[in-house]
Amino acid sequence: MGTVAIVIAVLVVGFALSVVGGKPTTSSADHGGVPTSMTPLQGRIVSIAQGQVGYATDPPDTYCNKYSAYWASGAADCANGNLDEEWCADFAA
């Protein structure tokens, strides 16, 4: 899963949160690249996702990743304790 997939996951989660609603923040202070028009929860989700930019599967030619391992989802065939599964949904969860 590359940067584009992470951005898509963030947009999907952000859209879902906007449907639920919430009062947006109005501060003009710098929030680390997070738009101030987001609710605090939306901003936190975007910030966490931005912190994962550059994460790659290990080894690179597999789906072995820490997100699937966290949710105990996928095949246990990774030598490093991670689990092997396409991980976009596991990251978003």
PDB file of N, CA and C in Angstrom:
ATOM      1  N   MET A   1       0.852  -1.176   0.000  1.00  0.00           N
ATOM      2  CA  MET A   1       0.000   0.000   0.000  1.00  0.00           C
ATOM      3  C   MET A   1       0.886   1.223   0.000  1.00  0.00           C
ATOM      4  N   GLY A   2       0.720   2.071  -0.976  1.00  0.00           N
ATOM      5  CA  GLY A   2       1.556   3.248  -1.071  1.00  0.00           C
ATOM      6  C   GLY A   2       0.881   4.477  -0.499  1.00  0.00           C
ATOM      7  N   THR A   3       1.523   5.600  -0.735  1.00  0.00           N
ATOM      8  CA  THR A   3       1.028   6.876  -0.245  1.00  0.00           C
ATOM      9  C   THR A   3      -0.363   7.173  -0.782  1.00  0.00           C
ATOM     10  N   VAL A   4      -0.611   6.850  -2.039  1.00  0.00           N
ATOM     11  CA  VAL A   4      -1.918   7.108  -2.635  1.00  0.00           C
ATOM     12  C   VAL A   4      -3.000   6.330  -1.892  1.00  0.00           C
ATOM     13  N   ALA A   5      -2.736   5.075  -1.563  1.00  0.00           N
ATOM     14  CA  ALA A   5      -3.722   4.275  -0.844  1.00  0.00           C
ATOM     15  C   ALA A   5      -3.976   4.837   0.544  1.00  0.00           C
ATOM     16  N   ILE A   6      -2.947   5.358   1.203  1.00  0.00           N
ATOM     17  CA  ILE A   6      -3.131   5.961   2.526  1.00  0.00           C
ATOM     18  C   ILE A   6      -3.993   7.206   2.404  1.00  0.00           C
ATOM     19  N   VAL A   7      -3.740   8.022   1.402  1.00  0.00           N
ATOM     20  CA  VAL A   7      -4.540   9.228   1.197  1.00  0.00           C
ATOM     21  C   VAL A   7      -5.994   8.855   0.937  1.00  0.00           C
ATOM     22  N   ILE A   8      -6.223   7.822   0.131  1.00  0.00           N
ATOM     23  CA  ILE A   8      -7.589   7.374  -0.136  1.00  0.00           C
ATOM     24  C   ILE A   8      -8.246   6.899   1.144  1.00  0.00           C
ATOM     25  N   ALA A   9      -7.520   6.135   1.966  1.00  0.00           N
ATOM     26  CA  ALA A   9      -8.082   5.671   3.236  1.00  0.00           C
ATOM     27  C   ALA A   9      -8.449   6.845   4.121  1.00  0.00           C
ATOM     28  N   VAL A  10      -7.610   7.863   4.171  1.00  0.00           N
ATOM     29  CA  VAL A  10      -7.890   9.054   4.981  1.00  0.00           C
ATOM     30  C   VAL A  10      -9.126   9.771   4.457  1.00  0.00           C
ATOM     31  N   LEU A  11      -9.236   9.893   3.134  1.00  0.00           N
ATOM     32  CA  LEU A  11     -10.402  10.558   2.559  1.00  0.00           C
ATOM     33  C   LEU A  11     -11.686   9.803   2.859  1.00  0.00           C
ATOM     34  N   VAL A  12     -11.643   8.490   2.774  1.00  0.00           N
ATOM     35  CA  VAL A  12     -12.830   7.676   3.066  1.00  0.00           C
ATOM     36  C   VAL A  12     -13.240   7.859   4.523  1.00  0.00           C
ATOM     37  N   VAL A  13     -12.273   7.784   5.429  1.00  0.00           N
ATOM     38  CA  VAL A  13     -12.584   7.958   6.851  1.00  0.00           C
ATOM     39  C   VAL A  13     -13.083   9.373   7.104  1.00  0.00           C
ATOM     40  N   GLY A  14     -12.439  10.359   6.488  1.00  0.00           N
ATOM     41  CA  GLY A  14     -12.874  11.746   6.649  1.00  0.00           C
ATOM     42  C   GLY A  14     -14.293  11.961   6.150  1.00  0.00           C
ATOM     43  N   PHE A  15     -14.622  11.364   5.006  1.00  0.00           N
ATOM     44  CA  PHE A  15     -15.980  11.475   4.483  1.00  0.00           C
ATOM     45  C   PHE A  15     -16.979  10.838   5.448  1.00  0.00           C
ATOM     46  N   ALA A  16     -16.627   9.662   5.954  1.00  0.00           N
ATOM     47  CA  ALA A  16     -17.520   8.983   6.896  1.00  0.00           C
ATOM     48  C   ALA A  16     -17.757   9.850   8.121  1.00  0.00           C
ATOM     49  N   LEU A  17     -16.722  10.485   8.613  1.00  0.00           N
ATOM     50  CA  LEU A  17     -16.882  11.354   9.776  1.00  0.00           C
ATOM     51  C   LEU A  17     -17.704  12.587   9.448  1.00  0.00           C
ATOM     52  N   SER A  18     -17.580  13.105   8.236  1.00  0.00           N
ATOM     53  CA  SER A  18     -18.355  14.287   7.880  1.00  0.00           C
ATOM     54  C   SER A  18     -19.841  13.963   7.790  1.00  0.00           C
ATOM     55  N   VAL A  19     -20.174  12.735   7.446  1.00  0.00           N
ATOM     56  CA  VAL A  19     -21.562  12.310   7.416  1.00  0.00           C
ATOM     57  C   VAL A  19     -22.121  12.270   8.831  1.00  0.00           C
ATOM     58  N   VAL A  20     -21.294  11.818   9.775  1.00  0.00           N
ATOM     59  CA  VAL A  20     -21.708  11.770  11.177  1.00  0.00           C
ATOM     60  C   VAL A  20     -21.886  13.177  11.708  1.00  0.00           C
ATOM     61  N   GLY A  21     -21.069  14.102  11.245  1.00  0.00           N
ATOM     62  CA  GLY A  21     -21.185  15.497  11.646  1.00  0.00           C
ATOM     63  C   GLY A  21     -20.236  15.869  12.753  1.00  0.00           C
ATOM     64  N   GLY A  22     -20.331  17.078  13.162  1.00  0.00           N
ATOM     65  CA  GLY A  22     -19.479  17.594  14.217  1.00  0.00           C
ATOM     66  C   GLY A  22     -19.149  19.035  13.952  1.00  0.00           C
ATOM     67  N   LYS A  23     -18.818  19.754  14.994  1.00  0.00           N
ATOM     68  CA  LYS A  23     -18.498  21.159  14.875  1.00  0.00           C
ATOM     69  C   LYS A  23     -17.040  21.311  14.455  1.00  0.00           C
ATOM     70  N   PRO A  24     -16.780  21.958  13.324  1.00  0.00           N
ATOM     71  CA  PRO A  24     -15.396  22.121  12.900  1.00  0.00           C
ATOM     72  C   PRO A  24     -14.658  23.109  13.786  1.00  0.00           C
ATOM     73  N   THR A  25     -13.326  22.968  13.822  1.00  0.00           N
ATOM     74  CA  THR A  25     -12.523  23.926  14.555  1.00  0.00           C
ATOM     75  C   THR A  25     -12.407  25.197  13.729  1.00  0.00           C
ATOM     76  N   THR A  26     -12.142  26.321  14.392  1.00  0.00           N
ATOM     77  CA  THR A  26     -12.054  27.586  13.671  1.00  0.00           C
ATOM     78  C   THR A  26     -10.724  28.276  13.883  1.00  0.00           C
ATOM     79  N   SER A  27      -9.827  27.675  14.599  1.00  0.00           N
ATOM     80  CA  SER A  27      -8.531  28.281  14.866  1.00  0.00           C
ATOM     81  C   SER A  27      -7.733  28.437  13.583  1.00  0.00           C
ATOM     82  N   SER A  28      -6.997  29.531  13.498  1.00  0.00           N
ATOM     83  CA  SER A  28      -6.144  29.727  12.327  1.00  0.00           C
ATOM     84  C   SER A  28      -4.707  29.310  12.612  1.00  0.00           C
ATOM     85  N   ALA A  29      -4.467  28.765  13.796  1.00  0.00           N
ATOM     86  CA  ALA A  29      -3.111  28.346  14.158  1.00  0.00           C
ATOM     87  C   ALA A  29      -2.682  27.161  13.305  1.00  0.00           C
ATOM     88  N   ASP A  30      -1.359  26.998  13.158  1.00  0.00           N
ATOM     89  CA  ASP A  30      -0.825  25.877  12.400  1.00  0.00           C
ATOM     90  C   ASP A  30      -1.084  24.580  13.155  1.00  0.00           C
ATOM     91  N   HIS A  31      -1.671  23.622  12.492  1.00  0.00           N
ATOM     92  CA  HIS A  31      -1.987  22.319  13.094  1.00  0.00           C
ATOM     93  C   HIS A  31      -1.237  21.212  12.382  1.00  0.00           C
ATOM     94  N   GLY A  32      -0.005  21.457  11.990  1.00  0.00           N
ATOM     95  CA  GLY A  32       0.803  20.426  11.358  1.00  0.00           C
ATOM     96  C   GLY A  32       0.289  19.985  10.004  1.00  0.00           C
ATOM     97  N   GLY A  33      -0.278  20.892   9.228  1.00  0.00           N
ATOM     98  CA  GLY A  33      -0.766  20.557   7.902  1.00  0.00           C
ATOM     99  C   GLY A  33      -2.191  20.047   7.889  1.00  0.00           C
ATOM    100  N   VAL A  34      -2.849  20.004   9.043  1.00  0.00           N
ATOM    101  CA  VAL A  34      -4.230  19.552   9.124  1.00  0.00           C
ATOM    102  C   VAL A  34      -5.130  20.773   8.981  1.00  0.00           C
ATOM    103  N   PRO A  35      -6.040  20.783   7.997  1.00  0.00           N
ATOM    104  CA  PRO A  35      -6.921  21.939   7.820  1.00  0.00           C
ATOM    105  C   PRO A  35      -7.721  22.237   9.081  1.00  0.00           C
ATOM    106  N   THR A  36      -7.872  23.528   9.394  1.00  0.00           N
ATOM    107  CA  THR A  36      -8.598  23.901  10.603  1.00  0.00           C
ATOM    108  C   THR A  36     -10.104  23.746  10.444  1.00  0.00           C
ATOM    109  N   SER A  37     -10.582  23.448   9.230  1.00  0.00           N
ATOM    110  CA  SER A  37     -12.019  23.273   9.028  1.00  0.00           C
ATOM    111  C   SER A  37     -12.495  21.888   9.454  1.00  0.00           C
ATOM    112  N   MET A  38     -11.583  21.029   9.888  1.00  0.00           N
ATOM    113  CA  MET A  38     -11.949  19.682  10.323  1.00  0.00           C
ATOM    114  C   MET A  38     -12.330  19.685  11.792  1.00  0.00           C
ATOM    115  N   THR A  39     -13.128  18.696  12.159  1.00  0.00           N
ATOM    116  CA  THR A  39     -13.391  18.499  13.578  1.00  0.00           C
ATOM    117  C   THR A  39     -12.101  17.995  14.223  1.00  0.00           C
ATOM    118  N   PRO A  40     -11.978  18.096  15.536  1.00  0.00           N
ATOM    119  CA  PRO A  40     -10.759  17.583  16.179  1.00  0.00           C
ATOM    120  C   PRO A  40     -10.502  16.106  15.870  1.00  0.00           C
ATOM    121  N   LEU A  41     -11.540  15.284  15.826  1.00  0.00           N
ATOM    122  CA  LEU A  41     -11.357  13.870  15.526  1.00  0.00           C
ATOM    123  C   LEU A  41     -10.857  13.674  14.099  1.00  0.00           C
ATOM    124  N   GLN A  42     -11.426  14.396  13.152  1.00  0.00           N
ATOM    125  CA  GLN A  42     -10.977  14.296  11.764  1.00  0.00           C
ATOM    126  C   GLN A  42      -9.515  14.716  11.655  1.00  0.00           C
ATOM    127  N   GLY A  43      -9.154  15.795  12.316  1.00  0.00           N
ATOM    128  CA  GLY A  43      -7.778  16.266  12.298  1.00  0.00           C
ATOM    129  C   GLY A  43      -6.820  15.247  12.877  1.00  0.00           C
ATOM    130  N   ARG A  44      -7.237  14.577  13.943  1.00  0.00           N
ATOM    131  CA  ARG A  44      -6.391  13.553  14.556  1.00  0.00           C
ATOM    132  C   ARG A  44      -6.182  12.375  13.604  1.00  0.00           C
ATOM    133  N   ILE A  45      -7.239  11.964  12.913  1.00  0.00           N
ATOM    134  CA  ILE A  45      -7.143  10.858  11.966  1.00  0.00           C
ATOM    135  C   ILE A  45      -6.188  11.227  10.834  1.00  0.00           C
ATOM    136  N   VAL A  46      -6.308  12.424  10.294  1.00  0.00           N
ATOM    137  CA  VAL A  46      -5.425  12.868   9.212  1.00  0.00           C
ATOM    138  C   VAL A  46      -3.985  12.922   9.709  1.00  0.00           C
ATOM    139  N   SER A  47      -3.784  13.444  10.903  1.00  0.00           N
ATOM    140  CA  SER A  47      -2.436  13.549  11.466  1.00  0.00           C
ATOM    141  C   SER A  47      -1.793  12.170  11.639  1.00  0.00           C
ATOM    142  N   ILE A  48      -2.555  11.220  12.147  1.00  0.00           N
ATOM    143  CA  ILE A  48      -2.039   9.852  12.324  1.00  0.00           C
ATOM    144  C   ILE A  48      -1.691   9.249  10.965  1.00  0.00           C
ATOM    145  N   ALA A  49      -2.569   9.428   9.986  1.00  0.00           N
ATOM    146  CA  ALA A  49      -2.310   8.885   8.644  1.00  0.00           C
ATOM    147  C   ALA A  49      -1.065   9.528   8.034  1.00  0.00           C
ATOM    148  N   GLN A  50      -0.913  10.837   8.200  1.00  0.00           N
ATOM    149  CA  GLN A  50       0.270  11.500   7.656  1.00  0.00           C
ATOM    150  C   GLN A  50       1.541  10.961   8.300  1.00  0.00           C
ATOM    151  N   GLY A  51       1.454  10.553   9.554  1.00  0.00           N
ATOM    152  CA  GLY A  51       2.603   9.987  10.241  1.00  0.00           C
ATOM    153  C   GLY A  51       3.018   8.627   9.706  1.00  0.00           C
ATOM    154  N   GLN A  52       2.164   7.998   8.924  1.00  0.00           N
ATOM    155  CA  GLN A  52       2.464   6.678   8.367  1.00  0.00           C
ATOM    156  C   GLN A  52       2.955   6.741   6.926  1.00  0.00           C
ATOM    157  N   VAL A  53       2.996   7.939   6.336  1.00  0.00           N
ATOM    158  CA  VAL A  53       3.479   8.086   4.970  1.00  0.00           C
ATOM    159  C   VAL A  53       4.913   7.566   4.902  1.00  0.00           C
ATOM    160  N   GLY A  54       5.161   6.722   3.946  1.00  0.00           N
ATOM    161  CA  GLY A  54       6.481   6.136   3.774  1.00  0.00           C
ATOM    162  C   GLY A  54       6.596   4.730   4.343  1.00  0.00           C
ATOM    163  N   TYR A  55       5.628   4.306   5.165  1.00  0.00           N
ATOM    164  CA  TYR A  55       5.657   2.939   5.694  1.00  0.00           C
ATOM    165  C   TYR A  55       5.573   1.961   4.523  1.00  0.00           C
ATOM    166  N   ALA A  56       6.319   0.906   4.590  1.00  0.00           N
ATOM    167  CA  ALA A  56       6.320  -0.096   3.522  1.00  0.00           C
ATOM    168  C   ALA A  56       6.234  -1.495   4.133  1.00  0.00           C
ATOM    169  N   THR A  57       5.738  -2.416   3.357  1.00  0.00           N
ATOM    170  CA  THR A  57       5.687  -3.794   3.808  1.00  0.00           C
ATOM    171  C   THR A  57       7.107  -4.318   3.996  1.00  0.00           C
ATOM    172  N   ASP A  58       7.243  -5.338   4.826  1.00  0.00           N
ATOM    173  CA  ASP A  58       8.568  -5.880   5.145  1.00  0.00           C
ATOM    174  C   ASP A  58       8.510  -7.393   5.146  1.00  0.00           C
ATOM    175  N   PRO A  59       9.151  -8.048   4.196  1.00  0.00           N
ATOM    176  CA  PRO A  59       9.932  -7.595   3.055  1.00  0.00           C
ATOM    177  C   PRO A  59       9.058  -6.855   2.045  1.00  0.00           C
ATOM    178  N   PRO A  60       9.677  -5.991   1.241  1.00  0.00           N
ATOM    179  CA  PRO A  60       8.938  -5.128   0.320  1.00  0.00           C
ATOM    180  C   PRO A  60       8.086  -5.860  -0.713  1.00  0.00           C
ATOM    181  N   ASP A  61       8.446  -7.068  -1.110  1.00  0.00           N
ATOM    182  CA  ASP A  61       7.707  -7.774  -2.162  1.00  0.00           C
ATOM    183  C   ASP A  61       6.608  -8.675  -1.603  1.00  0.00           C
ATOM    184  N   THR A  62       6.167  -8.406  -0.374  1.00  0.00           N
ATOM    185  CA  THR A  62       5.110  -9.189   0.260  1.00  0.00           C
ATOM    186  C   THR A  62       4.001  -8.261   0.748  1.00  0.00           C
ATOM    187  N   TYR A  63       3.008  -8.833   1.395  1.00  0.00           N
ATOM    188  CA  TYR A  63       1.986  -8.048   2.091  1.00  0.00           C
ATOM    189  C   TYR A  63       2.218  -8.085   3.603  1.00  0.00           C
ATOM    190  N   CYS A  64       3.389  -8.511   4.055  1.00  0.00           N
ATOM    191  CA  CYS A  64       3.692  -8.576   5.489  1.00  0.00           C
ATOM    192  C   CYS A  64       3.695  -7.164   6.067  1.00  0.00           C
ATOM    193  N   ASN A  65       2.846  -6.915   7.058  1.00  0.00           N
ATOM    194  CA  ASN A  65       2.715  -5.567   7.576  1.00  0.00           C
ATOM    195  C   ASN A  65       2.250  -5.550   9.022  1.00  0.00           C
ATOM    196  N   LYS A  66       2.520  -4.439   9.701  1.00  0.00           N
ATOM    197  CA  LYS A  66       2.187  -4.298  11.114  1.00  0.00           C
ATOM    198  C   LYS A  66       0.700  -4.069  11.353  1.00  0.00           C
ATOM    199  N   TYR A  67      -0.041  -3.541  10.387  1.00  0.00           N
ATOM    200  CA  TYR A  67      -1.457  -3.264  10.593  1.00  0.00           C
ATOM    201  C   TYR A  67      -2.268  -4.556  10.671  1.00  0.00           C
ATOM    202  N   SER A  68      -1.991  -5.479   9.765  1.00  0.00           N
ATOM    203  CA  SER A  68      -2.682  -6.768   9.806  1.00  0.00           C
ATOM    204  C   SER A  68      -2.286  -7.543  11.052  1.00  0.00           C
ATOM    205  N   ALA A  69      -1.013  -7.422  11.455  1.00  0.00           N
ATOM    206  CA  ALA A  69      -0.572  -8.094  12.680  1.00  0.00           C
ATOM    207  C   ALA A  69      -1.310  -7.540  13.883  1.00  0.00           C
ATOM    208  N   TYR A  70      -1.539  -6.241  13.925  1.00  0.00           N
ATOM    209  CA  TYR A  70      -2.262  -5.625  15.043  1.00  0.00           C
ATOM    210  C   TYR A  70      -3.658  -6.221  15.180  1.00  0.00           C
ATOM    211  N   TRP A  71      -4.338  -6.420  14.042  1.00  0.00           N
ATOM    212  CA  TRP A  71      -5.700  -6.949  14.057  1.00  0.00           C
ATOM    213  C   TRP A  71      -5.730  -8.480  13.996  1.00  0.00           C
ATOM    214  N   ALA A  72      -4.571  -9.118  14.019  1.00  0.00           N
ATOM    215  CA  ALA A  72      -4.475 -10.585  13.926  1.00  0.00           C
ATOM    216  C   ALA A  72      -5.231 -11.089  12.698  1.00  0.00           C
ATOM    217  N   SER A  73      -4.942 -10.459  11.573  1.00  0.00           N
ATOM    218  CA  SER A  73      -5.633 -10.763  10.333  1.00  0.00           C
ATOM    219  C   SER A  73      -4.609 -11.084   9.249  1.00  0.00           C
ATOM    220  N   GLY A  74      -4.724 -12.248   8.648  1.00  0.00           N
ATOM    221  CA  GLY A  74      -3.820 -12.623   7.573  1.00  0.00           C
ATOM    222  C   GLY A  74      -3.033 -13.876   7.911  1.00  0.00           C
ATOM    223  N   ALA A  75      -2.212 -14.273   6.966  1.00  0.00           N
ATOM    224  CA  ALA A  75      -1.411 -15.488   7.108  1.00  0.00           C
ATOM    225  C   ALA A  75      -0.168 -15.205   7.951  1.00  0.00           C
ATOM    226  N   ALA A  76       0.183 -16.162   8.789  1.00  0.00           N
ATOM    227  CA  ALA A  76       1.345 -16.026   9.668  1.00  0.00           C
ATOM    228  C   ALA A  76       2.590 -16.582   8.989  1.00  0.00           C
ATOM    229  N   ASP A  77       2.894 -16.091   7.798  1.00  0.00           N
ATOM    230  CA  ASP A  77       4.066 -16.589   7.078  1.00  0.00           C
ATOM    231  C   ASP A  77       5.162 -15.525   6.933  1.00  0.00           C
ATOM    232  N   CYS A  78       5.131 -14.519   7.776  1.00  0.00           N
ATOM    233  CA  CYS A  78       6.168 -13.478   7.769  1.00  0.00           C
ATOM    234  C   CYS A  78       7.177 -13.803   8.861  1.00  0.00           C
ATOM    235  N   ALA A  79       8.434 -13.713   8.534  1.00  0.00           N
ATOM    236  CA  ALA A  79       9.486 -14.076   9.481  1.00  0.00           C
ATOM    237  C   ALA A  79       9.665 -13.053  10.602  1.00  0.00           C
ATOM    238  N   ASN A  80       9.057 -11.879  10.473  1.00  0.00           N
ATOM    239  CA  ASN A  80       9.293 -10.810  11.439  1.00  0.00           C
ATOM    240  C   ASN A  80       8.150 -10.594  12.430  1.00  0.00           C
ATOM    241  N   GLY A  81       7.194 -11.488  12.491  1.00  0.00           N
ATOM    242  CA  GLY A  81       6.076 -11.352  13.421  1.00  0.00           C
ATOM    243  C   GLY A  81       4.882 -10.606  12.854  1.00  0.00           C
ATOM    244  N   ASN A  82       5.023 -10.032  11.666  1.00  0.00           N
ATOM    245  CA  ASN A  82       3.885  -9.387  11.019  1.00  0.00           C
ATOM    246  C   ASN A  82       3.019 -10.454  10.361  1.00  0.00           C
ATOM    247  N   LEU A  83       1.860 -10.045   9.866  1.00  0.00           N
ATOM    248  CA  LEU A  83       0.988 -10.968   9.149  1.00  0.00           C
ATOM    249  C   LEU A  83       0.880 -10.543   7.692  1.00  0.00           C
ATOM    250  N   ASP A  84       0.625 -11.523   6.831  1.00  0.00           N
ATOM    251  CA  ASP A  84       0.622 -11.354   5.386  1.00  0.00           C
ATOM    252  C   ASP A  84      -0.810 -11.223   4.887  1.00  0.00           C
ATOM    253  N   GLU A  85      -1.187  -9.984   4.535  1.00  0.00           N
ATOM    254  CA  GLU A  85      -2.519  -9.711   4.000  1.00  0.00           C
ATOM    255  C   GLU A  85      -2.501  -8.319   3.380  1.00  0.00           C
ATOM    256  N   GLU A  86      -3.300  -8.102   2.347  1.00  0.00           N
ATOM    257  CA  GLU A  86      -3.446  -6.742   1.836  1.00  0.00           C
ATOM    258  C   GLU A  86      -3.982  -5.899   2.986  1.00  0.00           C
ATOM    259  N   TRP A  87      -3.381  -4.755   3.225  1.00  0.00           N
ATOM    260  CA  TRP A  87      -3.577  -4.101   4.518  1.00  0.00           C
ATOM    261  C   TRP A  87      -4.291  -2.754   4.487  1.00  0.00           C
ATOM    262  N   CYS A  88      -4.864  -2.353   3.384  1.00  0.00           N
ATOM    263  CA  CYS A  88      -5.557  -1.056   3.338  1.00  0.00           C
ATOM    264  C   CYS A  88      -6.674  -0.965   4.370  1.00  0.00           C
ATOM    265  N   ALA A  89      -7.518  -1.968   4.438  1.00  0.00           N
ATOM    266  CA  ALA A  89      -8.622  -1.941   5.397  1.00  0.00           C
ATOM    267  C   ALA A  89      -8.130  -2.062   6.825  1.00  0.00           C
ATOM    268  N   ASP A  90      -7.065  -2.837   7.038  1.00  0.00           N
ATOM    269  CA  ASP A  90      -6.507  -2.963   8.386  1.00  0.00           C
ATOM    270  C   ASP A  90      -5.934  -1.631   8.850  1.00  0.00           C
ATOM    271  N   PHE A  91      -5.285  -0.892   7.965  1.00  0.00           N
ATOM    272  CA  PHE A  91      -4.770   0.428   8.313  1.00  0.00           C
ATOM    273  C   PHE A  91      -5.926   1.364   8.666  1.00  0.00           C
ATOM    274  N   ALA A  92      -6.950   1.392   7.829  1.00  0.00           N
ATOM    275  CA  ALA A  92      -8.081   2.288   8.080  1.00  0.00           C
ATOM    276  C   ALA A  92      -8.794   1.962   9.384  1.00  0.00           C
ATOM    277  N   ALA A  93      -8.856   0.661   9.715  1.00  0.00           N
ATOM    278  CA  ALA A  93      -9.513   0.266  10.972  1.00  0.00           C
ATOM    279  C   ALA A  93      -8.733   0.795  12.154  1.00  0.00           C
TER     280      ALA A  93
END
